[in-house]
PDB file of N, CA and C in Angstrom:
ATOM      1  N   UNK A   1      -1.307  23.531 -17.203  1.00  0.00           N
ATOM      2  CA  UNK A   1      -0.945  22.161 -17.473  1.00  0.00           C
ATOM      3  C   UNK A   1       0.527  22.117 -17.889  1.00  0.00           C
ATOM      4  N   UNK A   2       1.285  21.293 -17.202  1.00  0.00           N
ATOM      5  CA  UNK A   2       2.718  21.229 -17.455  1.00  0.00           C
ATOM      6  C   UNK A   2       3.118  20.011 -18.274  1.00  0.00           C
ATOM      7  N   UNK A   3       2.181  19.359 -18.899  1.00  0.00           N
ATOM      8  CA  UNK A   3       2.511  18.187 -19.697  1.00  0.00           C
ATOM      9  C   UNK A   3       2.522  16.911 -18.866  1.00  0.00           C
ATOM     10  N   UNK A   4       2.862  15.828 -19.516  1.00  0.00           N
ATOM     11  CA  UNK A   4       2.867  14.518 -18.867  1.00  0.00           C
ATOM     12  C   UNK A   4       4.108  14.375 -18.004  1.00  0.00           C
ATOM     13  N   UNK A   5       3.926  14.042 -16.746  1.00  0.00           N
ATOM     14  CA  UNK A   5       5.051  13.845 -15.833  1.00  0.00           C
ATOM     15  C   UNK A   5       5.201  12.368 -15.551  1.00  0.00           C
ATOM     16  N   UNK A   6       6.437  11.905 -15.416  1.00  0.00           N
ATOM     17  CA  UNK A   6       6.670  10.470 -15.269  1.00  0.00           C
ATOM     18  C   UNK A   6       6.253   9.941 -13.901  1.00  0.00           C
ATOM     19  N   UNK A   7       6.002  10.802 -12.930  1.00  0.00           N
ATOM     20  CA  UNK A   7       5.615  10.324 -11.605  1.00  0.00           C
ATOM     21  C   UNK A   7       4.111  10.357 -11.385  1.00  0.00           C
ATOM     22  N   UNK A   8       3.339  10.607 -12.401  1.00  0.00           N
ATOM     23  CA  UNK A   8       1.901  10.688 -12.252  1.00  0.00           C
ATOM     24  C   UNK A   8       1.214   9.567 -13.000  1.00  0.00           C
ATOM     25  N   UNK A   9       0.154   9.057 -12.433  1.00  0.00           N
ATOM     26  CA  UNK A   9      -0.754   8.153 -13.113  1.00  0.00           C
ATOM     27  C   UNK A   9      -0.144   6.850 -13.562  1.00  0.00           C
ATOM     28  N   UNK A  10      -0.554   6.411 -14.741  1.00  0.00           N
ATOM     29  CA  UNK A  10      -0.130   5.113 -15.245  1.00  0.00           C
ATOM     30  C   UNK A  10       1.338   5.062 -15.630  1.00  0.00           C
ATOM     31  N   UNK A  11       1.935   6.192 -15.896  1.00  0.00           N
ATOM     32  CA  UNK A  11       3.350   6.187 -16.274  1.00  0.00           C
ATOM     33  C   UNK A  11       4.207   5.637 -15.143  1.00  0.00           C
ATOM     34  N   UNK A  12       3.812   5.890 -13.900  1.00  0.00           N
ATOM     35  CA  UNK A  12       4.575   5.392 -12.763  1.00  0.00           C
ATOM     36  C   UNK A  12       4.495   3.881 -12.655  1.00  0.00           C
ATOM     37  N   UNK A  13       3.400   3.281 -13.103  1.00  0.00           N
ATOM     38  CA  UNK A  13       3.249   1.832 -13.002  1.00  0.00           C
ATOM     39  C   UNK A  13       4.138   1.079 -13.983  1.00  0.00           C
ATOM     40  N   UNK A  14       4.760   1.767 -14.927  1.00  0.00           N
ATOM     41  CA  UNK A  14       5.633   1.117 -15.892  1.00  0.00           C
ATOM     42  C   UNK A  14       7.038   0.896 -15.354  1.00  0.00           C
ATOM     43  N   UNK A  15       7.354   1.467 -14.224  1.00  0.00           N
ATOM     44  CA  UNK A  15       8.675   1.341 -13.632  1.00  0.00           C
ATOM     45  C   UNK A  15       8.608   0.397 -12.444  1.00  0.00           C
ATOM     46  N   UNK A  16       9.738  -0.223 -12.064  1.00  0.00           N
ATOM     47  CA  UNK A  16       9.696  -1.127 -10.917  1.00  0.00           C
ATOM     48  C   UNK A  16       9.314  -0.384  -9.643  1.00  0.00           C
ATOM     49  N   UNK A  17       8.698  -1.095  -8.746  1.00  0.00           N
ATOM     50  CA  UNK A  17       8.262  -0.502  -7.496  1.00  0.00           C
ATOM     51  C   UNK A  17       9.459   0.002  -6.704  1.00  0.00           C
ATOM     52  N   UNK A  18       9.251   1.033  -5.918  1.00  0.00           N
ATOM     53  CA  UNK A  18      10.329   1.597  -5.109  1.00  0.00           C
ATOM     54  C   UNK A  18      10.859   0.552  -4.142  1.00  0.00           C
ATOM     55  N   UNK A  19       9.975  -0.280  -3.602  1.00  0.00           N
ATOM     56  CA  UNK A  19      10.391  -1.293  -2.636  1.00  0.00           C
ATOM     57  C   UNK A  19      11.336  -2.309  -3.265  1.00  0.00           C
ATOM     58  N   UNK A  20      11.227  -2.501  -4.569  1.00  0.00           N
ATOM     59  CA  UNK A  20      12.108  -3.431  -5.265  1.00  0.00           C
ATOM     60  C   UNK A  20      13.401  -2.736  -5.659  1.00  0.00           C
ATOM     61  N   UNK A  21      13.307  -1.486  -6.090  1.00  0.00           N
ATOM     62  CA  UNK A  21      14.487  -0.766  -6.567  1.00  0.00           C
ATOM     63  C   UNK A  21      15.363  -0.270  -5.422  1.00  0.00           C
ATOM     64  N   UNK A  22      14.792   0.036  -4.276  1.00  0.00           N
ATOM     65  CA  UNK A  22      15.553   0.612  -3.169  1.00  0.00           C
ATOM     66  C   UNK A  22      16.644  -0.312  -2.638  1.00  0.00           C
ATOM     67  N   UNK A  23      16.402  -1.616  -2.470  1.00  0.00           N
ATOM     68  CA  UNK A  23      17.490  -2.466  -1.974  1.00  0.00           C
ATOM     69  C   UNK A  23      18.506  -2.846  -3.041  1.00  0.00           C
ATOM     70  N   UNK A  24      18.528  -2.139  -4.137  1.00  0.00           N
ATOM     71  CA  UNK A  24      19.497  -2.316  -5.221  1.00  0.00           C
ATOM     72  C   UNK A  24      19.281  -3.584  -6.020  1.00  0.00           C
ATOM     73  N   UNK A  25      18.043  -4.036  -6.141  1.00  0.00           N
ATOM     74  CA  UNK A  25      17.756  -5.109  -7.077  1.00  0.00           C
ATOM     75  C   UNK A  25      17.806  -4.497  -8.465  1.00  0.00           C
ATOM     76  N   UNK A  26      18.302  -5.242  -9.420  1.00  0.00           N
ATOM     77  CA  UNK A  26      18.337  -4.694 -10.772  1.00  0.00           C
ATOM     78  C   UNK A  26      16.922  -4.676 -11.354  1.00  0.00           C
ATOM     79  N   UNK A  27      16.677  -3.699 -12.194  1.00  0.00           N
ATOM     80  CA  UNK A  27      15.339  -3.512 -12.749  1.00  0.00           C
ATOM     81  C   UNK A  27      14.957  -4.614 -13.719  1.00  0.00           C
ATOM     82  N   UNK A  28      15.948  -5.331 -14.268  1.00  0.00           N
ATOM     83  CA  UNK A  28      15.612  -6.362 -15.246  1.00  0.00           C
ATOM     84  C   UNK A  28      15.421  -7.738 -14.620  1.00  0.00           C
ATOM     85  N   UNK A  29      15.473  -7.832 -13.300  1.00  0.00           N
ATOM     86  CA  UNK A  29      15.222  -9.124 -12.668  1.00  0.00           C
ATOM     87  C   UNK A  29      13.747  -9.476 -12.789  1.00  0.00           C
ATOM     88  N   UNK A  30      13.468 -10.754 -12.808  1.00  0.00           N
ATOM     89  CA  UNK A  30      12.086 -11.211 -12.958  1.00  0.00           C
ATOM     90  C   UNK A  30      11.238 -10.838 -11.744  1.00  0.00           C
ATOM     91  N   UNK A  31      11.841 -10.701 -10.582  1.00  0.00           N
ATOM     92  CA  UNK A  31      11.078 -10.381  -9.370  1.00  0.00           C
ATOM     93  C   UNK A  31      10.409  -9.024  -9.490  1.00  0.00           C
ATOM     94  N   UNK A  32      11.078  -8.039 -10.071  1.00  0.00           N
ATOM     95  CA  UNK A  32      10.480  -6.711 -10.186  1.00  0.00           C
ATOM     96  C   UNK A  32       9.270  -6.739 -11.114  1.00  0.00           C
ATOM     97  N   UNK A  33       9.341  -7.554 -12.159  1.00  0.00           N
ATOM     98  CA  UNK A  33       8.195  -7.688 -13.055  1.00  0.00           C
ATOM     99  C   UNK A  33       7.023  -8.349 -12.339  1.00  0.00           C
ATOM    100  N   UNK A  34       7.321  -9.328 -11.506  1.00  0.00           N
ATOM    101  CA  UNK A  34       6.256  -9.978 -10.750  1.00  0.00           C
ATOM    102  C   UNK A  34       5.614  -9.008  -9.781  1.00  0.00           C
ATOM    103  N   UNK A  35       6.423  -8.210  -9.110  1.00  0.00           N
ATOM    104  CA  UNK A  35       5.874  -7.211  -8.193  1.00  0.00           C
ATOM    105  C   UNK A  35       4.968  -6.244  -8.946  1.00  0.00           C
ATOM    106  N   UNK A  36       5.375  -5.838 -10.125  1.00  0.00           N
ATOM    107  CA  UNK A  36       4.592  -4.918 -10.931  1.00  0.00           C
ATOM    108  C   UNK A  36       3.250  -5.526 -11.317  1.00  0.00           C
ATOM    109  N   UNK A  37       3.269  -6.747 -11.809  1.00  0.00           N
ATOM    110  CA  UNK A  37       2.039  -7.405 -12.244  1.00  0.00           C
ATOM    111  C   UNK A  37       1.116  -7.665 -11.065  1.00  0.00           C
ATOM    112  N   UNK A  38       1.670  -8.126  -9.951  1.00  0.00           N
ATOM    113  CA  UNK A  38       0.858  -8.391  -8.757  1.00  0.00           C
ATOM    114  C   UNK A  38       0.256  -7.091  -8.236  1.00  0.00           C
ATOM    115  N   UNK A  39       1.018  -6.015  -8.230  1.00  0.00           N
ATOM    116  CA  UNK A  39       0.505  -4.729  -7.776  1.00  0.00           C
ATOM    117  C   UNK A  39      -0.628  -4.214  -8.635  1.00  0.00           C
ATOM    118  N   UNK A  40      -0.497  -4.340  -9.939  1.00  0.00           N
ATOM    119  CA  UNK A  40      -1.558  -3.903 -10.837  1.00  0.00           C
ATOM    120  C   UNK A  40      -2.796  -4.780 -10.668  1.00  0.00           C
ATOM    121  N   UNK A  41      -2.607  -6.091 -10.508  1.00  0.00           N
ATOM    122  CA  UNK A  41      -3.744  -7.007 -10.333  1.00  0.00           C
ATOM    123  C   UNK A  41      -4.487  -6.715  -9.034  1.00  0.00           C
ATOM    124  N   UNK A  42      -3.754  -6.483  -7.955  1.00  0.00           N
ATOM    125  CA  UNK A  42      -4.395  -6.169  -6.672  1.00  0.00           C
ATOM    126  C   UNK A  42      -5.153  -4.850  -6.775  1.00  0.00           C
ATOM    127  N   UNK A  43      -4.585  -3.863  -7.441  1.00  0.00           N
ATOM    128  CA  UNK A  43      -5.262  -2.587  -7.622  1.00  0.00           C
ATOM    129  C   UNK A  43      -6.542  -2.719  -8.433  1.00  0.00           C
ATOM    130  N   UNK A  44      -6.509  -3.552  -9.466  1.00  0.00           N
ATOM    131  CA  UNK A  44      -7.701  -3.777 -10.284  1.00  0.00           C
ATOM    132  C   UNK A  44      -8.803  -4.467  -9.481  1.00  0.00           C
ATOM    133  N   UNK A  45      -8.438  -5.488  -8.731  1.00  0.00           N
ATOM    134  CA  UNK A  45      -9.415  -6.202  -7.900  1.00  0.00           C
ATOM    135  C   UNK A  45      -9.994  -5.271  -6.845  1.00  0.00           C
ATOM    136  N   UNK A  46      -9.135  -4.479  -6.205  1.00  0.00           N
ATOM    137  CA  UNK A  46      -9.612  -3.552  -5.178  1.00  0.00           C
ATOM    138  C   UNK A  46     -10.559  -2.507  -5.768  1.00  0.00           C
ATOM    139  N   UNK A  47     -10.288  -2.050  -6.974  1.00  0.00           N
ATOM    140  CA  UNK A  47     -11.182  -1.079  -7.616  1.00  0.00           C
ATOM    141  C   UNK A  47     -12.552  -1.685  -7.889  1.00  0.00           C
ATOM    142  N   UNK A  48     -12.568  -2.932  -8.326  1.00  0.00           N
ATOM    143  CA  UNK A  48     -13.852  -3.609  -8.568  1.00  0.00           C
ATOM    144  C   UNK A  48     -14.635  -3.805  -7.271  1.00  0.00           C
ATOM    145  N   UNK A  49     -13.954  -4.170  -6.213  1.00  0.00           N
ATOM    146  CA  UNK A  49     -14.613  -4.356  -4.912  1.00  0.00           C
ATOM    147  C   UNK A  49     -15.146  -3.026  -4.396  1.00  0.00           C
ATOM    148  N   UNK A  50     -14.442  -1.942  -4.685  1.00  0.00           N
ATOM    149  CA  UNK A  50     -14.849  -0.626  -4.215  1.00  0.00           C
ATOM    150  C   UNK A  50     -16.208  -0.216  -4.764  1.00  0.00           C
ATOM    151  N   UNK A  51     -16.483  -0.534  -6.021  1.00  0.00           N
ATOM    152  CA  UNK A  51     -17.794  -0.194  -6.591  1.00  0.00           C
ATOM    153  C   UNK A  51     -18.920  -0.823  -5.782  1.00  0.00           C
ATOM    154  N   UNK A  52     -18.746  -2.069  -5.402  1.00  0.00           N
ATOM    155  CA  UNK A  52     -19.770  -2.782  -4.625  1.00  0.00           C
ATOM    156  C   UNK A  52     -19.900  -2.211  -3.213  1.00  0.00           C
ATOM    157  N   UNK A  53     -18.765  -2.038  -2.526  1.00  0.00           N
ATOM    158  CA  UNK A  53     -18.835  -1.614  -1.127  1.00  0.00           C
ATOM    159  C   UNK A  53     -19.364  -0.188  -0.977  1.00  0.00           C
ATOM    160  N   UNK A  54     -19.013   0.700  -1.882  1.00  0.00           N
ATOM    161  CA  UNK A  54     -19.518   2.066  -1.782  1.00  0.00           C
ATOM    162  C   UNK A  54     -21.015   2.113  -2.047  1.00  0.00           C
ATOM    163  N   UNK A  55     -21.482   1.339  -3.013  1.00  0.00           N
ATOM    164  CA  UNK A  55     -22.916   1.354  -3.290  1.00  0.00           C
ATOM    165  C   UNK A  55     -23.715   0.665  -2.176  1.00  0.00           C
ATOM    166  N   UNK A  56     -23.132  -0.312  -1.506  1.00  0.00           N
ATOM    167  CA  UNK A  56     -23.850  -1.032  -0.459  1.00  0.00           C
ATOM    168  C   UNK A  56     -23.830  -0.276   0.873  1.00  0.00           C
ATOM    169  N   UNK A  57     -22.664   0.232   1.288  1.00  0.00           N
ATOM    170  CA  UNK A  57     -22.521   0.826   2.616  1.00  0.00           C
ATOM    171  C   UNK A  57     -22.497   2.347   2.612  1.00  0.00           C
ATOM    172  N   UNK A  58     -22.087   2.962   1.541  1.00  0.00           N
ATOM    173  CA  UNK A  58     -21.969   4.414   1.492  1.00  0.00           C
ATOM    174  C   UNK A  58     -20.566   4.869   1.848  1.00  0.00           C
ATOM    175  N   UNK A  59     -20.185   5.982   1.271  1.00  0.00           N
ATOM    176  CA  UNK A  59     -18.826   6.476   1.444  1.00  0.00           C
ATOM    177  C   UNK A  59     -18.533   6.892   2.876  1.00  0.00           C
ATOM    178  N   UNK A  60     -19.468   7.586   3.515  1.00  0.00           N
ATOM    179  CA  UNK A  60     -19.236   8.081   4.874  1.00  0.00           C
ATOM    180  C   UNK A  60     -19.034   6.942   5.858  1.00  0.00           C
ATOM    181  N   UNK A  61     -19.872   5.907   5.772  1.00  0.00           N
ATOM    182  CA  UNK A  61     -19.730   4.778   6.696  1.00  0.00           C
ATOM    183  C   UNK A  61     -18.409   4.046   6.480  1.00  0.00           C
ATOM    184  N   UNK A  62     -17.987   3.890   5.240  1.00  0.00           N
ATOM    185  CA  UNK A  62     -16.715   3.225   4.974  1.00  0.00           C
ATOM    186  C   UNK A  62     -15.540   4.035   5.509  1.00  0.00           C
ATOM    187  N   UNK A  63     -15.590   5.342   5.347  1.00  0.00           N
ATOM    188  CA  UNK A  63     -14.508   6.192   5.851  1.00  0.00           C
ATOM    189  C   UNK A  63     -14.463   6.139   7.375  1.00  0.00           C
ATOM    190  N   UNK A  64     -15.608   6.257   8.026  1.00  0.00           N
ATOM    191  CA  UNK A  64     -15.628   6.206   9.485  1.00  0.00           C
ATOM    192  C   UNK A  64     -15.164   4.857  10.006  1.00  0.00           C
ATOM    193  N   UNK A  65     -15.595   3.778   9.362  1.00  0.00           N
ATOM    194  CA  UNK A  65     -15.180   2.443   9.781  1.00  0.00           C
ATOM    195  C   UNK A  65     -13.670   2.265   9.626  1.00  0.00           C
ATOM    196  N   UNK A  66     -13.132   2.641   8.470  1.00  0.00           N
ATOM    197  CA  UNK A  66     -11.697   2.459   8.237  1.00  0.00           C
ATOM    198  C   UNK A  66     -10.862   3.361   9.136  1.00  0.00           C
ATOM    199  N   UNK A  67     -11.326   4.580   9.399  1.00  0.00           N
ATOM    200  CA  UNK A  67     -10.590   5.462  10.311  1.00  0.00           C
ATOM    201  C   UNK A  67     -10.613   4.932  11.741  1.00  0.00           C
ATOM    202  N   UNK A  68     -11.713   4.322  12.147  1.00  0.00           N
ATOM    203  CA  UNK A  68     -11.789   3.723  13.476  1.00  0.00           C
ATOM    204  C   UNK A  68     -10.811   2.557  13.601  1.00  0.00           C
ATOM    205  N   UNK A  69     -10.782   1.702  12.602  1.00  0.00           N
ATOM    206  CA  UNK A  69      -9.878   0.548  12.628  1.00  0.00           C
ATOM    207  C   UNK A  69      -8.422   1.005  12.645  1.00  0.00           C
ATOM    208  N   UNK A  70      -8.060   1.941  11.787  1.00  0.00           N
ATOM    209  CA  UNK A  70      -6.665   2.365  11.726  1.00  0.00           C
ATOM    210  C   UNK A  70      -6.255   3.126  12.983  1.00  0.00           C
ATOM    211  N   UNK A  71      -7.211   3.830  13.616  1.00  0.00           N
ATOM    212  CA  UNK A  71      -6.912   4.496  14.880  1.00  0.00           C
ATOM    213  C   UNK A  71      -6.611   3.474  15.960  1.00  0.00           C
ATOM    214  N   UNK A  72      -7.379   2.412  16.011  1.00  0.00           N
ATOM    215  CA  UNK A  72      -7.133   1.349  16.997  1.00  0.00           C
ATOM    216  C   UNK A  72      -5.778   0.694  16.745  1.00  0.00           C
ATOM    217  N   UNK A  73      -5.450   0.463  15.486  1.00  0.00           N
ATOM    218  CA  UNK A  73      -4.155  -0.133  15.155  1.00  0.00           C
ATOM    219  C   UNK A  73      -3.011   0.771  15.597  1.00  0.00           C
ATOM    220  N   UNK A  74      -3.093   2.075  15.286  1.00  0.00           N
ATOM    221  CA  UNK A  74      -2.022   3.000  15.658  1.00  0.00           C
ATOM    222  C   UNK A  74      -1.899   3.162  17.169  1.00  0.00           C
ATOM    223  N   UNK A  75      -3.028   3.149  17.876  1.00  0.00           N
ATOM    224  CA  UNK A  75      -2.961   3.206  19.345  1.00  0.00           C
ATOM    225  C   UNK A  75      -2.269   1.957  19.876  1.00  0.00           C
ATOM    226  N   UNK A  76      -2.593   0.795  19.306  1.00  0.00           N
ATOM    227  CA  UNK A  76      -1.928  -0.445  19.713  1.00  0.00           C
ATOM    228  C   UNK A  76      -0.438  -0.419  19.448  1.00  0.00           C
ATOM    229  N   UNK A  77      -0.041   0.134  18.305  1.00  0.00           N
ATOM    230  CA  UNK A  77       1.385   0.250  17.995  1.00  0.00           C
ATOM    231  C   UNK A  77       2.068   1.191  18.987  1.00  0.00           C
ATOM    232  N   UNK A  78       1.403   2.298  19.298  1.00  0.00           N
ATOM    233  CA  UNK A  78       1.978   3.244  20.256  1.00  0.00           C
ATOM    234  C   UNK A  78       2.115   2.664  21.646  1.00  0.00           C
ATOM    235  N   UNK A  79       1.107   1.920  22.084  1.00  0.00           N
ATOM    236  CA  UNK A  79       1.170   1.303  23.406  1.00  0.00           C
ATOM    237  C   UNK A  79       2.253   0.230  23.449  1.00  0.00           C
ATOM    238  N   UNK A  80       2.343  -0.581  22.407  1.00  0.00           N
ATOM    239  CA  UNK A  80       3.350  -1.649  22.405  1.00  0.00           C
ATOM    240  C   UNK A  80       4.771  -1.097  22.328  1.00  0.00           C
ATOM    241  N   UNK A  81       4.950   0.091  21.787  1.00  0.00           N
ATOM    242  CA  UNK A  81       6.276   0.684  21.705  1.00  0.00           C
ATOM    243  C   UNK A  81       6.684   1.440  22.958  1.00  0.00           C
ATOM    244  N   UNK A  82       5.804   1.501  23.936  1.00  0.00           N
ATOM    245  CA  UNK A  82       6.099   2.255  25.151  1.00  0.00           C
ATOM    246  C   UNK A  82       7.003   1.498  26.114  1.00  0.00           C
ATOM    247  N   UNK A  83       7.077   0.185  25.995  1.00  0.00           N
ATOM    248  CA  UNK A  83       7.893  -0.617  26.899  1.00  0.00           C
ATOM    249  C   UNK A  83       9.219  -0.966  26.265  1.00  0.00           C
ATOM    250  N   UNK A  84      10.184  -1.237  27.115  1.00  0.00           N
ATOM    251  CA  UNK A  84      11.497  -1.686  26.653  1.00  0.00           C
ATOM    252  C   UNK A  84      11.377  -3.067  26.040  1.00  0.00           C
ATOM    253  N   UNK A  85      12.156  -3.302  25.011  1.00  0.00           N
ATOM    254  CA  UNK A  85      12.160  -4.631  24.375  1.00  0.00           C
ATOM    255  C   UNK A  85      12.867  -5.628  25.279  1.00  0.00           C
ATOM    256  N   UNK A  86      12.482  -6.873  25.168  1.00  0.00           N
ATOM    257  CA  UNK A  86      13.138  -7.936  25.946  1.00  0.00           C
ATOM    258  C   UNK A  86      14.473  -8.283  25.310  1.00  0.00           C
ATOM    259  N   UNK A  87      15.165  -9.227  25.919  1.00  0.00           N
ATOM    260  CA  UNK A  87      16.475  -9.614  25.395  1.00  0.00           C
ATOM    261  C   UNK A  87      16.385 -10.523  24.178  1.00  0.00           C
ATOM    262  N   UNK A  88      15.221 -11.043  23.870  1.00  0.00           N
ATOM    263  CA  UNK A  88      15.098 -11.969  22.754  1.00  0.00           C
ATOM    264  C   UNK A  88      14.851 -11.278  21.440  1.00  0.00           C
ATOM    265  N   UNK A  89      15.471 -11.763  20.410  1.00  0.00           N
ATOM    266  CA  UNK A  89      15.254 -11.374  19.017  1.00  0.00           C
ATOM    267  C   UNK A  89      15.305  -9.869  18.796  1.00  0.00           C
ATOM    268  N   UNK A  90      16.371  -9.250  19.210  1.00  0.00           N
ATOM    269  CA  UNK A  90      16.565  -7.825  18.915  1.00  0.00           C
ATOM    270  C   UNK A  90      17.446  -7.709  17.679  1.00  0.00           C
ATOM    271  N   UNK A  91      16.824  -7.501  16.521  1.00  0.00           N
ATOM    272  CA  UNK A  91      17.545  -7.477  15.256  1.00  0.00           C
ATOM    273  C   UNK A  91      18.067  -6.117  15.005  1.00  0.00           C
TER     274      UNK A  91
END
């Protein structure tokens, strides 16, 4: 055991999200606090929903279902990236 590290567990949730800090927003802006609170709230809600879904459907079925969905999404992304972009809206 190497002691408490700042990048593990709840200690990481006390700092602004990387997505907020990376574009050089200051850490004391109100937006970073909102991102933090919203992120913690979504995580809490998702954890509560997880108790219900695992007990109702089972872990294996949920993993297989989610892996199937994400595989279809990634195949769609790969197929859509195979063609040249049109002249419109190339940012």
